[in-house]
N, C-alpha and C. Protein backbone atom coordinates (compact mmCIF):
# COMPACT_ATOMS: atom_id res chain seq x y z
N MET A 1 -0.20 -20.00 -1.67
CA MET A 1 -0.63 -19.03 -2.66
C MET A 1 -2.08 -19.30 -3.02
N ASN A 2 -2.81 -18.25 -3.23
CA ASN A 2 -4.20 -18.32 -3.63
C ASN A 2 -4.30 -19.10 -4.95
N PRO A 3 -5.20 -20.11 -5.04
CA PRO A 3 -5.32 -20.89 -6.28
C PRO A 3 -5.63 -20.04 -7.51
N LEU A 4 -6.42 -18.99 -7.33
CA LEU A 4 -6.74 -18.11 -8.45
C LEU A 4 -5.48 -17.41 -8.96
N VAL A 5 -4.62 -16.99 -8.02
CA VAL A 5 -3.37 -16.33 -8.41
C VAL A 5 -2.50 -17.30 -9.20
N SER A 6 -2.43 -18.54 -8.75
CA SER A 6 -1.63 -19.55 -9.47
C SER A 6 -2.16 -19.76 -10.89
N GLN A 7 -3.47 -19.80 -11.01
CA GLN A 7 -4.10 -19.99 -12.32
C GLN A 7 -3.80 -18.79 -13.23
N ILE A 8 -3.96 -17.59 -12.71
CA ILE A 8 -3.71 -16.38 -13.51
C ILE A 8 -2.25 -16.32 -13.91
N ARG A 9 -1.36 -16.63 -12.97
CA ARG A 9 0.08 -16.60 -13.27
C ARG A 9 0.41 -17.54 -14.43
N GLY A 10 -0.17 -18.72 -14.41
CA GLY A 10 0.05 -19.67 -15.49
C GLY A 10 -0.43 -19.15 -16.82
N GLN A 11 -1.58 -18.48 -16.82
CA GLN A 11 -2.12 -17.93 -18.05
C GLN A 11 -1.28 -16.75 -18.55
N VAL A 12 -0.79 -15.93 -17.63
CA VAL A 12 0.05 -14.79 -18.02
C VAL A 12 1.33 -15.29 -18.68
N LEU A 13 1.90 -16.36 -18.16
CA LEU A 13 3.13 -16.90 -18.73
C LEU A 13 2.94 -17.45 -20.15
N GLN A 14 1.69 -17.64 -20.54
CA GLN A 14 1.40 -18.14 -21.90
C GLN A 14 1.21 -17.01 -22.91
N LEU A 15 1.18 -15.77 -22.44
CA LEU A 15 1.03 -14.64 -23.37
C LEU A 15 2.24 -14.56 -24.28
N ASP A 16 2.01 -14.28 -25.57
CA ASP A 16 3.14 -14.29 -26.50
C ASP A 16 3.34 -12.99 -27.27
N THR A 17 2.54 -11.96 -26.96
CA THR A 17 2.78 -10.67 -27.62
C THR A 17 2.88 -9.58 -26.57
N MET A 18 3.62 -8.55 -26.88
CA MET A 18 3.75 -7.42 -25.96
C MET A 18 2.42 -6.70 -25.80
N GLU A 19 1.61 -6.70 -26.83
CA GLU A 19 0.29 -6.06 -26.74
C GLU A 19 -0.54 -6.72 -25.64
N ASP A 20 -0.55 -8.06 -25.62
CA ASP A 20 -1.29 -8.79 -24.59
C ASP A 20 -0.71 -8.52 -23.20
N VAL A 21 0.60 -8.53 -23.09
CA VAL A 21 1.27 -8.27 -21.81
C VAL A 21 0.92 -6.86 -21.33
N ASN A 22 0.94 -5.89 -22.24
CA ASN A 22 0.62 -4.51 -21.86
C ASN A 22 -0.82 -4.37 -21.38
N GLU A 23 -1.74 -5.12 -21.99
CA GLU A 23 -3.14 -5.09 -21.54
C GLU A 23 -3.27 -5.64 -20.12
N VAL A 24 -2.58 -6.73 -19.85
CA VAL A 24 -2.61 -7.31 -18.50
C VAL A 24 -1.97 -6.34 -17.51
N TYR A 25 -0.86 -5.73 -17.89
CA TYR A 25 -0.18 -4.77 -17.03
C TYR A 25 -1.10 -3.59 -16.70
N ALA A 26 -1.81 -3.08 -17.68
CA ALA A 26 -2.72 -1.96 -17.47
C ALA A 26 -3.85 -2.35 -16.50
N ALA A 27 -4.37 -3.55 -16.65
CA ALA A 27 -5.43 -4.02 -15.76
C ALA A 27 -4.91 -4.15 -14.32
N LEU A 28 -3.71 -4.67 -14.16
CA LEU A 28 -3.11 -4.80 -12.83
C LEU A 28 -2.86 -3.43 -12.20
N LYS A 29 -2.39 -2.49 -13.00
CA LYS A 29 -2.13 -1.13 -12.50
C LYS A 29 -3.43 -0.49 -12.04
N THR A 30 -4.49 -0.65 -12.82
CA THR A 30 -5.80 -0.10 -12.45
C THR A 30 -6.28 -0.69 -11.13
N GLN A 31 -6.16 -2.00 -10.98
CA GLN A 31 -6.60 -2.67 -9.76
C GLN A 31 -5.76 -2.24 -8.56
N THR A 32 -4.45 -2.11 -8.76
CA THR A 32 -3.56 -1.66 -7.68
C THR A 32 -3.93 -0.26 -7.23
N ASP A 33 -4.18 0.63 -8.17
CA ASP A 33 -4.57 2.01 -7.83
C ASP A 33 -5.89 2.03 -7.06
N ARG A 34 -6.84 1.21 -7.47
CA ARG A 34 -8.14 1.15 -6.79
C ARG A 34 -7.98 0.69 -5.34
N ILE A 35 -7.18 -0.35 -5.13
CA ILE A 35 -6.95 -0.87 -3.79
C ILE A 35 -6.22 0.16 -2.93
N GLN A 36 -5.23 0.84 -3.50
CA GLN A 36 -4.50 1.85 -2.74
C GLN A 36 -5.40 3.02 -2.34
N ARG A 37 -6.28 3.46 -3.23
CA ARG A 37 -7.21 4.54 -2.89
C ARG A 37 -8.14 4.13 -1.76
N ALA A 38 -8.66 2.91 -1.86
CA ALA A 38 -9.57 2.42 -0.83
C ALA A 38 -8.85 2.29 0.52
N THR A 39 -7.62 1.81 0.49
CA THR A 39 -6.84 1.67 1.72
C THR A 39 -6.57 3.04 2.34
N LYS A 40 -6.23 4.01 1.51
CA LYS A 40 -5.94 5.35 2.01
C LYS A 40 -7.15 5.95 2.72
N LEU A 41 -8.35 5.67 2.22
CA LEU A 41 -9.57 6.23 2.81
C LEU A 41 -9.90 5.64 4.18
N GLU A 42 -9.24 4.56 4.55
CA GLU A 42 -9.46 3.94 5.86
C GLU A 42 -8.84 4.77 6.98
N PHE A 43 -7.92 5.69 6.65
CA PHE A 43 -7.19 6.45 7.66
C PHE A 43 -7.71 7.88 7.72
N ARG A 44 -7.86 8.38 8.94
CA ARG A 44 -8.30 9.75 9.18
C ARG A 44 -7.26 10.46 10.03
N SER A 45 -7.24 11.77 9.92
CA SER A 45 -6.35 12.58 10.74
C SER A 45 -6.64 12.28 12.22
N GLY A 46 -5.58 12.04 12.98
CA GLY A 46 -5.73 11.71 14.40
C GLY A 46 -5.65 10.23 14.71
N ASP A 47 -5.78 9.36 13.69
CA ASP A 47 -5.68 7.91 13.91
C ASP A 47 -4.27 7.55 14.37
N ARG A 48 -4.19 6.62 15.32
CA ARG A 48 -2.90 6.09 15.75
C ARG A 48 -2.55 4.92 14.84
N VAL A 49 -1.33 4.92 14.33
CA VAL A 49 -0.90 3.90 13.37
C VAL A 49 0.51 3.41 13.69
N GLN A 50 0.85 2.25 13.13
CA GLN A 50 2.20 1.70 13.20
C GLN A 50 2.62 1.32 11.80
N PHE A 51 3.94 1.31 11.58
CA PHE A 51 4.48 0.80 10.32
C PHE A 51 5.91 0.36 10.56
N ASP A 52 6.38 -0.53 9.69
CA ASP A 52 7.75 -1.04 9.77
C ASP A 52 8.64 -0.11 8.98
N ALA A 53 9.64 0.46 9.66
CA ALA A 53 10.53 1.42 9.02
C ALA A 53 11.87 0.79 8.65
N GLY A 54 11.91 -0.51 8.52
CA GLY A 54 13.14 -1.17 8.11
C GLY A 54 13.89 -1.77 9.28
N LYS A 55 14.93 -2.50 8.95
CA LYS A 55 15.64 -3.25 9.99
C LYS A 55 16.39 -2.36 10.96
N TYR A 56 16.72 -1.15 10.59
CA TYR A 56 17.47 -0.27 11.49
C TYR A 56 16.56 0.56 12.39
N LYS A 57 15.39 0.93 11.91
CA LYS A 57 14.48 1.77 12.69
C LYS A 57 13.39 0.95 13.38
N GLY A 58 13.11 -0.26 12.87
CA GLY A 58 12.10 -1.11 13.47
C GLY A 58 10.69 -0.60 13.24
N THR A 59 9.79 -0.95 14.14
CA THR A 59 8.39 -0.55 14.04
C THR A 59 8.22 0.82 14.70
N LEU A 60 7.62 1.74 13.96
CA LEU A 60 7.38 3.08 14.47
C LEU A 60 5.88 3.28 14.67
N THR A 61 5.55 4.07 15.68
CA THR A 61 4.16 4.39 16.00
C THR A 61 3.98 5.89 15.93
N GLY A 62 2.84 6.32 15.41
CA GLY A 62 2.59 7.75 15.31
C GLY A 62 1.12 8.05 15.08
N THR A 63 0.88 9.30 14.74
CA THR A 63 -0.48 9.80 14.52
C THR A 63 -0.61 10.34 13.10
N VAL A 64 -1.70 9.97 12.44
CA VAL A 64 -1.94 10.47 11.08
C VAL A 64 -2.16 11.98 11.16
N VAL A 65 -1.37 12.72 10.37
CA VAL A 65 -1.50 14.17 10.30
C VAL A 65 -2.46 14.53 9.19
N ARG A 66 -2.26 13.93 8.00
CA ARG A 66 -3.16 14.18 6.88
C ARG A 66 -2.94 13.17 5.78
N ARG A 67 -3.96 13.08 4.91
CA ARG A 67 -3.86 12.22 3.72
C ARG A 67 -3.34 13.09 2.59
N LEU A 68 -2.31 12.60 1.92
CA LEU A 68 -1.79 13.26 0.74
C LEU A 68 -2.44 12.62 -0.49
N GLN A 69 -1.98 13.02 -1.67
CA GLN A 69 -2.60 12.48 -2.88
C GLN A 69 -2.48 10.96 -2.96
N LYS A 70 -1.28 10.43 -2.67
CA LYS A 70 -1.08 8.98 -2.75
C LYS A 70 -0.68 8.36 -1.42
N ASN A 71 -0.17 9.15 -0.49
CA ASN A 71 0.37 8.64 0.76
C ASN A 71 -0.30 9.27 1.97
N ILE A 72 0.20 8.89 3.13
CA ILE A 72 -0.31 9.40 4.40
C ILE A 72 0.86 10.06 5.14
N ARG A 73 0.65 11.25 5.68
CA ARG A 73 1.67 11.92 6.49
C ARG A 73 1.43 11.51 7.93
N VAL A 74 2.49 10.98 8.58
CA VAL A 74 2.40 10.48 9.95
C VAL A 74 3.40 11.22 10.83
N LYS A 75 2.94 11.76 11.96
CA LYS A 75 3.83 12.35 12.94
C LYS A 75 4.23 11.21 13.88
N VAL A 76 5.49 10.80 13.74
CA VAL A 76 6.00 9.65 14.49
C VAL A 76 6.44 10.12 15.87
N ASP A 77 6.10 9.34 16.88
CA ASP A 77 6.47 9.67 18.26
C ASP A 77 7.99 9.79 18.37
N GLY A 78 8.48 11.00 18.59
CA GLY A 78 9.90 11.23 18.79
C GLY A 78 10.78 11.12 17.56
N ALA A 79 10.18 11.07 16.35
CA ALA A 79 11.01 10.90 15.15
C ALA A 79 10.54 11.77 13.98
N GLY A 80 9.86 12.86 14.24
CA GLY A 80 9.44 13.76 13.17
C GLY A 80 8.27 13.23 12.36
N GLU A 81 8.11 13.78 11.16
CA GLU A 81 7.02 13.36 10.27
C GLU A 81 7.56 12.48 9.16
N TRP A 82 6.80 11.47 8.83
CA TRP A 82 7.15 10.53 7.77
C TRP A 82 6.00 10.50 6.76
N THR A 83 6.35 10.33 5.50
CA THR A 83 5.36 10.09 4.46
C THR A 83 5.37 8.59 4.17
N VAL A 84 4.21 7.95 4.35
CA VAL A 84 4.15 6.50 4.31
C VAL A 84 3.04 6.05 3.36
N ALA A 85 3.30 5.00 2.60
CA ALA A 85 2.26 4.40 1.74
C ALA A 85 1.18 3.80 2.63
N PRO A 86 -0.09 4.00 2.29
CA PRO A 86 -1.18 3.48 3.12
C PRO A 86 -1.12 1.96 3.32
N SER A 87 -0.61 1.26 2.33
CA SER A 87 -0.56 -0.21 2.44
C SER A 87 0.41 -0.67 3.53
N LEU A 88 1.31 0.20 3.98
CA LEU A 88 2.27 -0.16 5.01
C LEU A 88 1.78 0.15 6.42
N LEU A 89 0.67 0.88 6.52
CA LEU A 89 0.16 1.30 7.82
C LEU A 89 -0.84 0.30 8.37
N ARG A 90 -0.87 0.22 9.70
CA ARG A 90 -1.92 -0.54 10.38
C ARG A 90 -2.36 0.26 11.61
N LYS A 91 -3.64 0.29 11.84
CA LYS A 91 -4.18 1.05 12.97
C LYS A 91 -3.84 0.36 14.28
N VAL A 92 -3.61 1.17 15.29
CA VAL A 92 -3.38 0.65 16.65
C VAL A 92 -4.35 1.37 17.58
N GLY A 93 -4.46 0.89 18.80
CA GLY A 93 -5.37 1.50 19.77
C GLY A 93 -5.07 2.96 20.03
N PRO A 94 -5.95 3.63 20.76
CA PRO A 94 -5.83 5.08 21.00
C PRO A 94 -4.62 5.50 21.74
């Protein structure tokens, strides 16, 4: 684990009011949203991508159809279209 994460975790566990916890939660939500937006912008229509669809479907490969407000629409080879969170996608060769 990242040493900074360990340090922050220890400090969060010392918070003793809901107001303080809510402030930390809001900051984490803001940072998560920022990272997700930046990740989504890495993908363009036509990009080849892969993602893990769970233990029954395994790894699926497809082509980015379009970026939605929060997710990416992927046309999966032989399996229709899937809506996938950008954080689950990874680019693959052409």
